[in-house]
Amino acid sequence: FAYSRILSETFSASVGLRFIHSDLQYNYDEDITPGQAFAADISF
């Protein structure tokens, strides 16, 4: 999700948050677990 705002007639900025989930397990016998991460974006 992101929130963006115009700061002047020609310029804007945005911030965002991201939840990431990755489940690449291909063998139940392997010691592999799903992974999660959180991240942010900054843009102009």
PDB file of all heavy atoms in Angstrom:
ATOM      1  N   PHE A   1       0.854  -1.182   0.000  1.00  0.00           N
ATOM      2  CA  PHE A   1       0.000   0.000   0.000  1.00  0.00           C
ATOM      3  C   PHE A   1       0.891   1.234   0.000  1.00  0.00           C
ATOM      4  O   PHE A   1       1.992   1.219   0.559  1.00  0.00           O
ATOM      5  CB  PHE A   1      -0.911   0.027   1.229  1.00  0.00           C
ATOM      6  CG  PHE A   1      -1.863  -1.137   1.305  1.00  0.00           C
ATOM      7  CD1 PHE A   1      -1.525  -2.275   2.013  1.00  0.00           C
ATOM      8  CD2 PHE A   1      -3.085  -1.088   0.649  1.00  0.00           C
ATOM      9  CE1 PHE A   1      -2.385  -3.357   2.083  1.00  0.00           C
ATOM     10  CE2 PHE A   1      -3.957  -2.164   0.715  1.00  0.00           C
ATOM     11  CZ  PHE A   1      -3.607  -3.299   1.431  1.00  0.00           C
ATOM     12  N   ALA A   2       0.415   2.298  -0.643  1.00  0.00           N
ATOM     13  CA  ALA A   2       1.207   3.524  -0.737  1.00  0.00           C
ATOM     14  C   ALA A   2       0.309   4.742  -0.568  1.00  0.00           C
ATOM     15  O   ALA A   2      -0.882   4.720  -0.906  1.00  0.00           O
ATOM     16  CB  ALA A   2       1.946   3.592  -2.073  1.00  0.00           C
ATOM     17  N   TYR A   3       0.918   5.789  -0.055  1.00  0.00           N
ATOM     18  CA  TYR A   3       0.253   7.086   0.053  1.00  0.00           C
ATOM     19  C   TYR A   3       1.119   8.099  -0.690  1.00  0.00           C
ATOM     20  O   TYR A   3       2.337   8.172  -0.471  1.00  0.00           O
ATOM     21  CB  TYR A   3       0.105   7.505   1.516  1.00  0.00           C
ATOM     22  CG  TYR A   3      -0.304   8.959   1.689  1.00  0.00           C
ATOM     23  CD1 TYR A   3      -1.622   9.355   1.504  1.00  0.00           C
ATOM     24  CD2 TYR A   3       0.640   9.929   2.033  1.00  0.00           C
ATOM     25  CE1 TYR A   3      -1.996  10.687   1.655  1.00  0.00           C
ATOM     26  CE2 TYR A   3       0.277  11.254   2.191  1.00  0.00           C
ATOM     27  CZ  TYR A   3      -1.042  11.631   1.998  1.00  0.00           C
ATOM     28  OH  TYR A   3      -1.408  12.944   2.150  1.00  0.00           O
ATOM     29  N   SER A   4       0.511   8.877  -1.563  1.00  0.00           N
ATOM     30  CA  SER A   4       1.248   9.861  -2.353  1.00  0.00           C
ATOM     31  C   SER A   4       0.573  11.220  -2.238  1.00  0.00           C
ATOM     32  O   SER A   4      -0.647  11.324  -2.062  1.00  0.00           O
ATOM     33  CB  SER A   4       1.329   9.422  -3.816  1.00  0.00           C
ATOM     34  OG  SER A   4       0.050   9.074  -4.320  1.00  0.00           O
ATOM     35  N   ARG A   5       1.395  12.264  -2.392  1.00  0.00           N
ATOM     36  CA  ARG A   5       0.874  13.619  -2.220  1.00  0.00           C
ATOM     37  C   ARG A   5       1.652  14.591  -3.100  1.00  0.00           C
ATOM     38  O   ARG A   5       2.874  14.500  -3.231  1.00  0.00           O
ATOM     39  CB  ARG A   5       0.985  14.054  -0.755  1.00  0.00           C
ATOM     40  CG  ARG A   5       0.425  15.446  -0.475  1.00  0.00           C
ATOM     41  CD  ARG A   5       0.562  15.830   0.972  1.00  0.00           C
ATOM     42  NE  ARG A   5       0.046  17.180   1.211  1.00  0.00           N
ATOM     43  CZ  ARG A   5      -1.226  17.461   1.488  1.00  0.00           C
ATOM     44  NH1 ARG A   5      -2.102  16.476   1.581  1.00  0.00           N
ATOM     45  NH2 ARG A   5      -1.624  18.711   1.682  1.00  0.00           N
ATOM     46  N   ILE A   6       0.918  15.542  -3.679  1.00  0.00           N
ATOM     47  CA  ILE A   6       1.537  16.628  -4.430  1.00  0.00           C
ATOM     48  C   ILE A   6       2.092  17.650  -3.446  1.00  0.00           C
ATOM     49  O   ILE A   6       1.374  18.138  -2.567  1.00  0.00           O
ATOM     50  CB  ILE A   6       0.526  17.286  -5.379  1.00  0.00           C
ATOM     51  CG1 ILE A   6       0.141  16.307  -6.507  1.00  0.00           C
ATOM     52  CG2 ILE A   6       1.085  18.573  -5.973  1.00  0.00           C
ATOM     53  CD1 ILE A   6      -0.889  16.863  -7.470  1.00  0.00           C
ATOM     54  N   LEU A   7       3.375  17.980  -3.582  1.00  0.00           N
ATOM     55  CA  LEU A   7       4.026  18.941  -2.703  1.00  0.00           C
ATOM     56  C   LEU A   7       4.151  20.324  -3.325  1.00  0.00           C
ATOM     57  O   LEU A   7       4.364  21.309  -2.618  1.00  0.00           O
ATOM     58  CB  LEU A   7       5.411  18.417  -2.302  1.00  0.00           C
ATOM     59  CG  LEU A   7       5.429  17.046  -1.608  1.00  0.00           C
ATOM     60  CD1 LEU A   7       6.847  16.628  -1.296  1.00  0.00           C
ATOM     61  CD2 LEU A   7       4.583  17.076  -0.335  1.00  0.00           C
ATOM     62  N   SER A   8       4.065  20.385  -4.640  1.00  0.00           N
ATOM     63  CA  SER A   8       4.043  21.656  -5.356  1.00  0.00           C
ATOM     64  C   SER A   8       3.339  21.419  -6.683  1.00  0.00           C
ATOM     65  O   SER A   8       2.858  20.304  -6.955  1.00  0.00           O
ATOM     66  CB  SER A   8       5.464  22.193  -5.573  1.00  0.00           C
ATOM     67  OG  SER A   8       6.153  21.423  -6.543  1.00  0.00           O
ATOM     68  N   GLU A   9       3.280  22.420  -7.534  1.00  0.00           N
ATOM     69  CA  GLU A   9       2.594  22.256  -8.807  1.00  0.00           C
ATOM     70  C   GLU A   9       3.266  21.233  -9.709  1.00  0.00           C
ATOM     71  O   GLU A   9       2.631  20.679 -10.608  1.00  0.00           O
ATOM     72  CB  GLU A   9       2.522  23.606  -9.537  1.00  0.00           C
ATOM     73  CG  GLU A   9       1.605  24.620  -8.880  1.00  0.00           C
ATOM     74  CD  GLU A   9       1.510  25.898  -9.692  1.00  0.00           C
ATOM     75  OE1 GLU A   9       2.202  25.989 -10.734  1.00  0.00           O
ATOM     76  OE2 GLU A   9       0.735  26.791  -9.305  1.00  0.00           O
ATOM     77  N   THR A  10       4.543  20.965  -9.475  1.00  0.00           N
ATOM     78  CA  THR A  10       5.299  20.089 -10.375  1.00  0.00           C
ATOM     79  C   THR A  10       5.945  18.905  -9.671  1.00  0.00           C
ATOM     80  O   THR A  10       6.618  18.098 -10.325  1.00  0.00           O
ATOM     81  CB  THR A  10       6.410  20.890 -11.082  1.00  0.00           C
ATOM     82  OG1 THR A  10       7.286  21.456 -10.089  1.00  0.00           O
ATOM     83  CG2 THR A  10       5.822  22.008 -11.929  1.00  0.00           C
ATOM     84  N   PHE A  11       5.761  18.758  -8.373  1.00  0.00           N
ATOM     85  CA  PHE A  11       6.531  17.768  -7.618  1.00  0.00           C
ATOM     86  C   PHE A  11       5.625  17.010  -6.651  1.00  0.00           C
ATOM     87  O   PHE A  11       4.754  17.596  -6.003  1.00  0.00           O
ATOM     88  CB  PHE A  11       7.652  18.467  -6.850  1.00  0.00           C
ATOM     89  CG  PHE A  11       8.576  17.534  -6.124  1.00  0.00           C
ATOM     90  CD1 PHE A  11       9.483  16.741  -6.812  1.00  0.00           C
ATOM     91  CD2 PHE A  11       8.538  17.450  -4.744  1.00  0.00           C
ATOM     92  CE1 PHE A  11      10.344  15.889  -6.135  1.00  0.00           C
ATOM     93  CE2 PHE A  11       9.394  16.599  -4.057  1.00  0.00           C
ATOM     94  CZ  PHE A  11      10.300  15.819  -4.757  1.00  0.00           C
ATOM     95  N   SER A  12       5.851  15.693  -6.557  1.00  0.00           N
ATOM     96  CA  SER A  12       5.084  14.851  -5.633  1.00  0.00           C
ATOM     97  C   SER A  12       5.997  13.817  -5.005  1.00  0.00           C
ATOM     98  O   SER A  12       7.097  13.539  -5.493  1.00  0.00           O
ATOM     99  CB  SER A  12       3.920  14.163  -6.351  1.00  0.00           C
ATOM    100  OG  SER A  12       4.410  13.296  -7.365  1.00  0.00           O
ATOM    101  N   ALA A  13       5.525  13.220  -3.910  1.00  0.00           N
ATOM    102  CA  ALA A  13       6.297  12.203  -3.199  1.00  0.00           C
ATOM    103  C   ALA A  13       5.357  11.117  -2.705  1.00  0.00           C
ATOM    104  O   ALA A  13       4.136  11.319  -2.593  1.00  0.00           O
ATOM    105  CB  ALA A  13       7.066  12.817  -2.029  1.00  0.00           C
ATOM    106  N   SER A  14       5.936   9.961  -2.407  1.00  0.00           N
ATOM    107  CA  SER A  14       5.124   8.830  -1.970  1.00  0.00           C
ATOM    108  C   SER A  14       5.923   7.951  -1.012  1.00  0.00           C
ATOM    109  O   SER A  14       7.150   7.846  -1.115  1.00  0.00           O
ATOM    110  CB  SER A  14       4.678   7.992  -3.174  1.00  0.00           C
ATOM    111  OG  SER A  14       4.033   6.795  -2.761  1.00  0.00           O
ATOM    112  N   VAL A  15       5.202   7.327  -0.078  1.00  0.00           N
ATOM    113  CA  VAL A  15       5.785   6.311   0.791  1.00  0.00           C
ATOM    114  C   VAL A  15       4.880   5.083   0.719  1.00  0.00           C
ATOM    115  O   VAL A  15       3.661   5.197   0.569  1.00  0.00           O
ATOM    116  CB  VAL A  15       5.928   6.789   2.252  1.00  0.00           C
ATOM    117  CG1 VAL A  15       6.957   7.902   2.348  1.00  0.00           C
ATOM    118  CG2 VAL A  15       4.581   7.258   2.803  1.00  0.00           C
ATOM    119  N   GLY A  16       5.482   3.912   0.824  1.00  0.00           N
ATOM    120  CA  GLY A  16       4.706   2.683   0.736  1.00  0.00           C
ATOM    121  C   GLY A  16       5.251   1.613   1.666  1.00  0.00           C
ATOM    122  O   GLY A  16       6.417   1.647   2.072  1.00  0.00           O
ATOM    123  N   LEU A  17       4.400   0.659   1.992  1.00  0.00           N
ATOM    124  CA  LEU A  17       4.770  -0.480   2.827  1.00  0.00           C
ATOM    125  C   LEU A  17       4.408  -1.766   2.097  1.00  0.00           C
ATOM    126  O   LEU A  17       3.387  -1.833   1.399  1.00  0.00           O
ATOM    127  CB  LEU A  17       4.062  -0.423   4.177  1.00  0.00           C
ATOM    128  CG  LEU A  17       4.413   0.748   5.097  1.00  0.00           C
ATOM    129  CD1 LEU A  17       3.529   0.719   6.351  1.00  0.00           C
ATOM    130  CD2 LEU A  17       5.884   0.697   5.499  1.00  0.00           C
ATOM    131  N   ARG A  18       5.231  -2.802   2.288  1.00  0.00           N
ATOM    132  CA  ARG A  18       5.028  -4.055   1.566  1.00  0.00           C
ATOM    133  C   ARG A  18       5.256  -5.250   2.491  1.00  0.00           C
ATOM    134  O   ARG A  18       6.221  -5.276   3.267  1.00  0.00           O
ATOM    135  CB  ARG A  18       5.979  -4.126   0.374  1.00  0.00           C
ATOM    136  CG  ARG A  18       5.905  -5.433  -0.429  1.00  0.00           C
ATOM    137  CD  ARG A  18       6.719  -5.355  -1.709  1.00  0.00           C
ATOM    138  NE  ARG A  18       6.157  -4.329  -2.600  1.00  0.00           N
ATOM    139  CZ  ARG A  18       6.741  -3.150  -2.812  1.00  0.00           C
ATOM    140  NH1 ARG A  18       7.916  -2.876  -2.239  1.00  0.00           N
ATOM    141  NH2 ARG A  18       6.167  -2.267  -3.604  1.00  0.00           N
ATOM    142  N   PHE A  19       4.352  -6.227   2.401  1.00  0.00           N
ATOM    143  CA  PHE A  19       4.535  -7.519   3.074  1.00  0.00           C
ATOM    144  C   PHE A  19       4.852  -8.565   2.022  1.00  0.00           C
ATOM    145  O   PHE A  19       4.169  -8.660   1.000  1.00  0.00           O
ATOM    146  CB  PHE A  19       3.283  -7.918   3.845  1.00  0.00           C
ATOM    147  CG  PHE A  19       3.322  -9.333   4.357  1.00  0.00           C
ATOM    148  CD1 PHE A  19       4.147  -9.691   5.403  1.00  0.00           C
ATOM    149  CD2 PHE A  19       2.548 -10.318   3.750  1.00  0.00           C
ATOM    150  CE1 PHE A  19       4.197 -11.002   5.862  1.00  0.00           C
ATOM    151  CE2 PHE A  19       2.581 -11.626   4.203  1.00  0.00           C
ATOM    152  CZ  PHE A  19       3.415 -11.970   5.269  1.00  0.00           C
ATOM    153  N   ILE A  20       5.880  -9.358   2.269  1.00  0.00           N
ATOM    154  CA  ILE A  20       6.364 -10.343   1.304  1.00  0.00           C
ATOM    155  C   ILE A  20       6.305 -11.727   1.939  1.00  0.00           C
ATOM    156  O   ILE A  20       6.762 -11.930   3.071  1.00  0.00           O
ATOM    157  CB  ILE A  20       7.820 -10.022   0.888  1.00  0.00           C
ATOM    158  CG1 ILE A  20       7.904  -8.606   0.307  1.00  0.00           C
ATOM    159  CG2 ILE A  20       8.330 -11.044  -0.108  1.00  0.00           C
ATOM    160  CD1 ILE A  20       9.314  -8.053   0.266  1.00  0.00           C
ATOM    161  N   HIS A  21       5.758 -12.671   1.197  1.00  0.00           N
ATOM    162  CA  HIS A  21       5.699 -14.064   1.645  1.00  0.00           C
ATOM    163  C   HIS A  21       6.197 -14.955   0.517  1.00  0.00           C
ATOM    164  O   HIS A  21       5.748 -14.844  -0.623  1.00  0.00           O
ATOM    165  CB  HIS A  21       4.272 -14.452   2.027  1.00  0.00           C
ATOM    166  CG  HIS A  21       4.132 -15.883   2.461  1.00  0.00           C
ATOM    167  ND1 HIS A  21       4.338 -16.296   3.772  1.00  0.00           N
ATOM    168  CD2 HIS A  21       3.827 -17.005   1.756  1.00  0.00           C
ATOM    169  CE1 HIS A  21       4.151 -17.606   3.853  1.00  0.00           C
ATOM    170  NE2 HIS A  21       3.845 -18.062   2.646  1.00  0.00           N
ATOM    171  N   SER A  22       7.121 -15.847   0.842  1.00  0.00           N
ATOM    172  CA  SER A  22       7.688 -16.749  -0.170  1.00  0.00           C
ATOM    173  C   SER A  22       7.707 -18.170   0.376  1.00  0.00           C
ATOM    174  O   SER A  22       8.332 -18.448   1.405  1.00  0.00           O
ATOM    175  CB  SER A  22       9.110 -16.301  -0.532  1.00  0.00           C
ATOM    176  OG  SER A  22       9.680 -17.169  -1.486  1.00  0.00           O
ATOM    177  N   ASP A  23       7.017 -19.052  -0.317  1.00  0.00           N
ATOM    178  CA  ASP A  23       6.969 -20.464   0.058  1.00  0.00           C
ATOM    179  C   ASP A  23       7.418 -21.286  -1.144  1.00  0.00           C
ATOM    180  O   ASP A  23       6.633 -21.616  -2.023  1.00  0.00           O
ATOM    181  CB  ASP A  23       5.556 -20.863   0.476  1.00  0.00           C
ATOM    182  CG  ASP A  23       5.475 -22.302   0.980  1.00  0.00           C
ATOM    183  OD1 ASP A  23       6.517 -22.989   0.956  1.00  0.00           O
ATOM    184  OD2 ASP A  23       4.388 -22.725   1.394  1.00  0.00           O
ATOM    185  N   LEU A  24       8.711 -21.607  -1.176  1.00  0.00           N
ATOM    186  CA  LEU A  24       9.288 -22.343  -2.296  1.00  0.00           C
ATOM    187  C   LEU A  24       9.636 -23.773  -1.927  1.00  0.00           C
ATOM    188  O   LEU A  24      10.449 -24.413  -2.591  1.00  0.00           O
ATOM    189  CB  LEU A  24      10.546 -21.621  -2.806  1.00  0.00           C
ATOM    190  CG  LEU A  24      10.328 -20.201  -3.335  1.00  0.00           C
ATOM    191  CD1 LEU A  24      11.649 -19.596  -3.786  1.00  0.00           C
ATOM    192  CD2 LEU A  24       9.328 -20.193  -4.469  1.00  0.00           C
ATOM    193  N   GLN A  25       9.029 -24.290  -0.890  1.00  0.00           N
ATOM    194  CA  GLN A  25       9.303 -25.670  -0.484  1.00  0.00           C
ATOM    195  C   GLN A  25       8.815 -26.636  -1.562  1.00  0.00           C
ATOM    196  O   GLN A  25       7.673 -26.571  -2.010  1.00  0.00           O
ATOM    197  CB  GLN A  25       8.614 -25.974   0.837  1.00  0.00           C
ATOM    198  CG  GLN A  25       8.950 -27.348   1.404  1.00  0.00           C
ATOM    199  CD  GLN A  25       8.284 -27.588   2.749  1.00  0.00           C
ATOM    200  OE1 GLN A  25       7.297 -26.944   3.076  1.00  0.00           O
ATOM    201  NE2 GLN A  25       8.816 -28.509   3.516  1.00  0.00           N
ATOM    202  N   TYR A  26       9.697 -27.529  -1.995  1.00  0.00           N
ATOM    203  CA  TYR A  26       9.328 -28.499  -3.026  1.00  0.00           C
ATOM    204  C   TYR A  26       9.490 -29.934  -2.558  1.00  0.00           C
ATOM    205  O   TYR A  26       9.309 -30.870  -3.326  1.00  0.00           O
ATOM    206  CB  TYR A  26      10.166 -28.269  -4.290  1.00  0.00           C
ATOM    207  CG  TYR A  26      11.657 -28.375  -4.085  1.00  0.00           C
ATOM    208  CD1 TYR A  26      12.322 -29.586  -4.190  1.00  0.00           C
ATOM    209  CD2 TYR A  26      12.410 -27.251  -3.780  1.00  0.00           C
ATOM    210  CE1 TYR A  26      13.684 -29.679  -3.993  1.00  0.00           C
ATOM    211  CE2 TYR A  26      13.772 -27.334  -3.580  1.00  0.00           C
ATOM    212  CZ  TYR A  26      14.403 -28.550  -3.700  1.00  0.00           C
ATOM    213  OH  TYR A  26      15.756 -28.633  -3.499  1.00  0.00           O
ATOM    214  N   ASN A  27       9.818 -30.123  -1.294  1.00  0.00           N
ATOM    215  CA  ASN A  27       9.959 -31.462  -0.730  1.00  0.00           C
ATOM    216  C   ASN A  27       9.731 -31.366   0.768  1.00  0.00           C
ATOM    217  O   ASN A  27      10.459 -30.675   1.467  1.00  0.00           O
ATOM    218  CB  ASN A  27      11.348 -32.027  -1.027  1.00  0.00           C
ATOM    219  CG  ASN A  27      11.464 -33.505  -0.666  1.00  0.00           C
ATOM    220  OD1 ASN A  27      10.753 -34.002   0.217  1.00  0.00           O
ATOM    221  ND2 ASN A  27      12.351 -34.208  -1.351  1.00  0.00           N
ATOM    222  N   TYR A  28       8.708 -32.041   1.267  1.00  0.00           N
ATOM    223  CA  TYR A  28       8.379 -31.951   2.683  1.00  0.00           C
ATOM    224  C   TYR A  28       9.487 -32.505   3.581  1.00  0.00           C
ATOM    225  O   TYR A  28       9.527 -32.241   4.778  1.00  0.00           O
ATOM    226  CB  TYR A  28       7.070 -32.689   2.977  1.00  0.00           C
ATOM    227  CG  TYR A  28       5.851 -31.966   2.479  1.00  0.00           C
ATOM    228  CD1 TYR A  28       4.910 -32.617   1.687  1.00  0.00           C
ATOM    229  CD2 TYR A  28       5.640 -30.628   2.782  1.00  0.00           C
ATOM    230  CE1 TYR A  28       3.781 -31.957   1.221  1.00  0.00           C
ATOM    231  CE2 TYR A  28       4.520 -29.956   2.327  1.00  0.00           C
ATOM    232  CZ  TYR A  28       3.601 -30.625   1.551  1.00  0.00           C
ATOM    233  OH  TYR A  28       2.489 -29.967   1.092  1.00  0.00           O
ATOM    234  N   ASP A  29      10.387 -33.268   2.986  1.00  0.00           N
ATOM    235  CA  ASP A  29      11.486 -33.814   3.769  1.00  0.00           C
ATOM    236  C   ASP A  29      12.639 -32.830   3.919  1.00  0.00           C
ATOM    237  O   ASP A  29      13.538 -33.040   4.723  1.00  0.00           O
ATOM    238  CB  ASP A  29      12.011 -35.111   3.121  1.00  0.00           C
ATOM    239  CG  ASP A  29      10.949 -36.199   3.097  1.00  0.00           C
ATOM    240  OD1 ASP A  29      10.117 -36.215   4.025  1.00  0.00           O
ATOM    241  OD2 ASP A  29      10.943 -37.004   2.146  1.00  0.00           O
ATOM    242  N   GLU A  30      12.641 -31.763   3.119  1.00  0.00           N
ATOM    243  CA  GLU A  30      13.710 -30.778   3.191  1.00  0.00           C
ATOM    244  C   GLU A  30      13.464 -29.805   4.339  1.00  0.00           C
ATOM    245  O   GLU A  30      12.327 -29.506   4.696  1.00  0.00           O
ATOM    246  CB  GLU A  30      13.808 -30.003   1.868  1.00  0.00           C
ATOM    247  CG  GLU A  30      14.187 -30.862   0.671  1.00  0.00           C
ATOM    248  CD  GLU A  30      15.635 -31.289   0.720  1.00  0.00           C
ATOM    249  OE1 GLU A  30      16.436 -30.595   1.367  1.00  0.00           O
ATOM    250  OE2 GLU A  30      15.954 -32.341   0.118  1.00  0.00           O
ATOM    251  N   ASP A  31      14.552 -29.303   4.915  1.00  0.00           N
ATOM    252  CA  ASP A  31      14.458 -28.352   6.015  1.00  0.00           C
ATOM    253  C   ASP A  31      14.306 -26.937   5.456  1.00  0.00           C
ATOM    254  O   ASP A  31      15.167 -26.069   5.630  1.00  0.00           O
ATOM    255  CB  ASP A  31      15.701 -28.453   6.902  1.00  0.00           C
ATOM    256  CG  ASP A  31      15.562 -27.620   8.177  1.00  0.00           C
ATOM    257  OD1 ASP A  31      14.416 -27.300   8.531  1.00  0.00           O
ATOM    258  OD2 ASP A  31      16.598 -27.302   8.792  1.00  0.00           O
ATOM    259  N   ILE A  32      13.200 -26.715   4.749  1.00  0.00           N
ATOM    260  CA  ILE A  32      12.919 -25.429   4.135  1.00  0.00           C
ATOM    261  C   ILE A  32      11.580 -24.931   4.657  1.00  0.00           C
ATOM    262  O   ILE A  32      10.595 -25.669   4.681  1.00  0.00           O
ATOM    263  CB  ILE A  32      12.874 -25.540   2.599  1.00  0.00           C
ATOM    264  CG1 ILE A  32      14.224 -26.008   2.057  1.00  0.00           C
ATOM    265  CG2 ILE A  32      12.488 -24.204   1.979  1.00  0.00           C
ATOM    266  CD1 ILE A  32      14.209 -26.293   0.572  1.00  0.00           C
ATOM    267  N   THR A  33      11.535 -23.707   5.098  1.00  0.00           N
ATOM    268  CA  THR A  33      10.321 -23.115   5.648  1.00  0.00           C
ATOM    269  C   THR A  33       9.952 -21.875   4.843  1.00  0.00           C
ATOM    270  O   THR A  33      10.815 -21.242   4.221  1.00  0.00           O
ATOM    271  CB  THR A  33      10.518 -22.726   7.123  1.00  0.00           C
ATOM    272  OG1 THR A  33      11.585 -21.769   7.213  1.00  0.00           O
ATOM    273  CG2 THR A  33      10.855 -23.946   7.962  1.00  0.00           C
ATOM    274  N   PRO A  34       8.662 -21.504   4.825  1.00  0.00           N
ATOM    275  CA  PRO A  34       8.284 -20.261   4.149  1.00  0.00           C
ATOM    276  C   PRO A  34       8.975 -19.062   4.794  1.00  0.00           C
ATOM    277  O   PRO A  34       9.228 -19.037   5.999  1.00  0.00           O
ATOM    278  CB  PRO A  34       6.765 -20.206   4.344  1.00  0.00           C
ATOM    279  CG  PRO A  34       6.361 -21.619   4.600  1.00  0.00           C
ATOM    280  CD  PRO A  34       7.503 -22.240   5.336  1.00  0.00           C
ATOM    281  N   GLY A  35       9.281 -18.065   3.978  1.00  0.00           N
ATOM    282  CA  GLY A  35       9.932 -16.862   4.477  1.00  0.00           C
ATOM    283  C   GLY A  35       9.031 -15.649   4.360  1.00  0.00           C
ATOM    284  O   GLY A  35       8.199 -15.558   3.445  1.00  0.00           O
ATOM    285  N   GLN A  36       9.169 -14.723   5.299  1.00  0.00           N
ATOM    286  CA  GLN A  36       8.421 -13.472   5.274  1.00  0.00           C
ATOM    287  C   GLN A  36       9.382 -12.303   5.445  1.00  0.00           C
ATOM    288  O   GLN A  36      10.439 -12.430   6.076  1.00  0.00           O
ATOM    289  CB  GLN A  36       7.357 -13.418   6.380  1.00  0.00           C
ATOM    290  CG  GLN A  36       6.174 -14.335   6.177  1.00  0.00           C
ATOM    291  CD  GLN A  36       6.403 -15.725   6.725  1.00  0.00           C
ATOM    292  OE1 GLN A  36       7.117 -15.895   7.711  1.00  0.00           O
ATOM    293  NE2 GLN A  36       5.805 -16.730   6.100  1.00  0.00           N
ATOM    294  N   ALA A  37       8.998 -11.179   4.894  1.00  0.00           N
ATOM    295  CA  ALA A  37       9.788  -9.965   5.025  1.00  0.00           C
ATOM    296  C   ALA A  37       8.866  -8.762   4.906  1.00  0.00           C
ATOM    297  O   ALA A  37       7.772  -8.843   4.346  1.00  0.00           O
ATOM    298  CB  ALA A  37      10.886  -9.900   3.959  1.00  0.00           C
ATOM    299  N   PHE A  38       9.316  -7.651   5.469  1.00  0.00           N
ATOM    300  CA  PHE A  38       8.611  -6.376   5.347  1.00  0.00           C
ATOM    301  C   PHE A  38       9.539  -5.368   4.688  1.00  0.00           C
ATOM    302  O   PHE A  38      10.755  -5.395   4.900  1.00  0.00           O
ATOM    303  CB  PHE A  38       8.167  -5.860   6.721  1.00  0.00           C
ATOM    304  CG  PHE A  38       7.095  -6.684   7.370  1.00  0.00           C
ATOM    305  CD1 PHE A  38       7.416  -7.747   8.198  1.00  0.00           C
ATOM    306  CD2 PHE A  38       5.754  -6.403   7.137  1.00  0.00           C
ATOM    307  CE1 PHE A  38       6.429  -8.518   8.799  1.00  0.00           C
ATOM    308  CE2 PHE A  38       4.763  -7.166   7.728  1.00  0.00           C
ATOM    309  CZ  PHE A  38       5.098  -8.224   8.559  1.00  0.00           C
ATOM    310  N   ALA A  39       8.953  -4.487   3.881  1.00  0.00           N
ATOM    311  CA  ALA A  39       9.774  -3.524   3.156  1.00  0.00           C
ATOM    312  C   ALA A  39       9.007  -2.223   2.982  1.00  0.00           C
ATOM    313  O   ALA A  39       7.781  -2.165   3.135  1.00  0.00           O
ATOM    314  CB  ALA A  39      10.191  -4.078   1.796  1.00  0.00           C
ATOM    315  N   ALA A  40       9.746  -1.174   2.662  1.00  0.00           N
ATOM    316  CA  ALA A  40       9.165   0.140   2.419  1.00  0.00           C
ATOM    317  C   ALA A  40       9.690   0.690   1.103  1.00  0.00           C
ATOM    318  O   ALA A  40      10.784   0.339   0.656  1.00  0.00           O
ATOM    319  CB  ALA A  40       9.503   1.093   3.566  1.00  0.00           C
ATOM    320  N   ASP A  41       8.887   1.562   0.479  1.00  0.00           N
ATOM    321  CA  ASP A  41       9.268   2.260  -0.747  1.00  0.00           C
ATOM    322  C   ASP A  41       9.218   3.767  -0.504  1.00  0.00           C
ATOM    323  O   ASP A  41       8.339   4.265   0.212  1.00  0.00           O
ATOM    324  CB  ASP A  41       8.325   1.926  -1.900  1.00  0.00           C
ATOM    325  CG  ASP A  41       8.349   0.457  -2.285  1.00  0.00           C
ATOM    326  OD1 ASP A  41       9.227  -0.270  -1.779  1.00  0.00           O
ATOM    327  OD2 ASP A  41       7.485   0.042  -3.078  1.00  0.00           O
ATOM    328  N   ILE A  42      10.142   4.482  -1.127  1.00  0.00           N
ATOM    329  CA  ILE A  42      10.141   5.947  -1.118  1.00  0.00           C
ATOM    330  C   ILE A  42      10.327   6.405  -2.560  1.00  0.00           C
ATOM    331  O   ILE A  42      11.265   5.969  -3.236  1.00  0.00           O
ATOM    332  CB  ILE A  42      11.265   6.519  -0.236  1.00  0.00           C
ATOM    333  CG1 ILE A  42      11.143   5.997   1.202  1.00  0.00           C
ATOM    334  CG2 ILE A  42      11.227   8.045  -0.247  1.00  0.00           C
ATOM    335  CD1 ILE A  42      12.308   6.399   2.084  1.00  0.00           C
ATOM    336  N   SER A  43       9.431   7.261  -3.039  1.00  0.00           N
ATOM    337  CA  SER A  43       9.507   7.678  -4.441  1.00  0.00           C
ATOM    338  C   SER A  43       9.171   9.151  -4.602  1.00  0.00           C
ATOM    339  O   SER A  43       8.465   9.748  -3.772  1.00  0.00           O
ATOM    340  CB  SER A  43       8.577   6.826  -5.307  1.00  0.00           C
ATOM    341  OG  SER A  43       7.241   6.917  -4.859  1.00  0.00           O
ATOM    342  N   PHE A  44       9.680   9.719  -5.701  1.00  0.00           N
ATOM    343  CA  PHE A  44       9.462  11.134  -6.030  1.00  0.00           C
ATOM    344  C   PHE A  44       9.185  11.257  -7.528  1.00  0.00           C
ATOM    345  O   PHE A  44       9.676  10.457  -8.328  1.00  0.00           O
ATOM    346  CB  PHE A  44      10.689  11.977  -5.659  1.00  0.00           C
ATOM    347  CG  PHE A  44      11.081  11.887  -4.209  1.00  0.00           C
ATOM    348  CD1 PHE A  44      12.050  10.975  -3.797  1.00  0.00           C
ATOM    349  CD2 PHE A  44      10.474  12.690  -3.252  1.00  0.00           C
ATOM    350  CE1 PHE A  44      12.413  10.872  -2.473  1.00  0.00           C
ATOM    351  CE2 PHE A  44      10.832  12.595  -1.915  1.00  0.00           C
ATOM    352  CZ  PHE A  44      11.795  11.689  -1.521  1.00  0.00           C
TER     353      PHE A  44
END
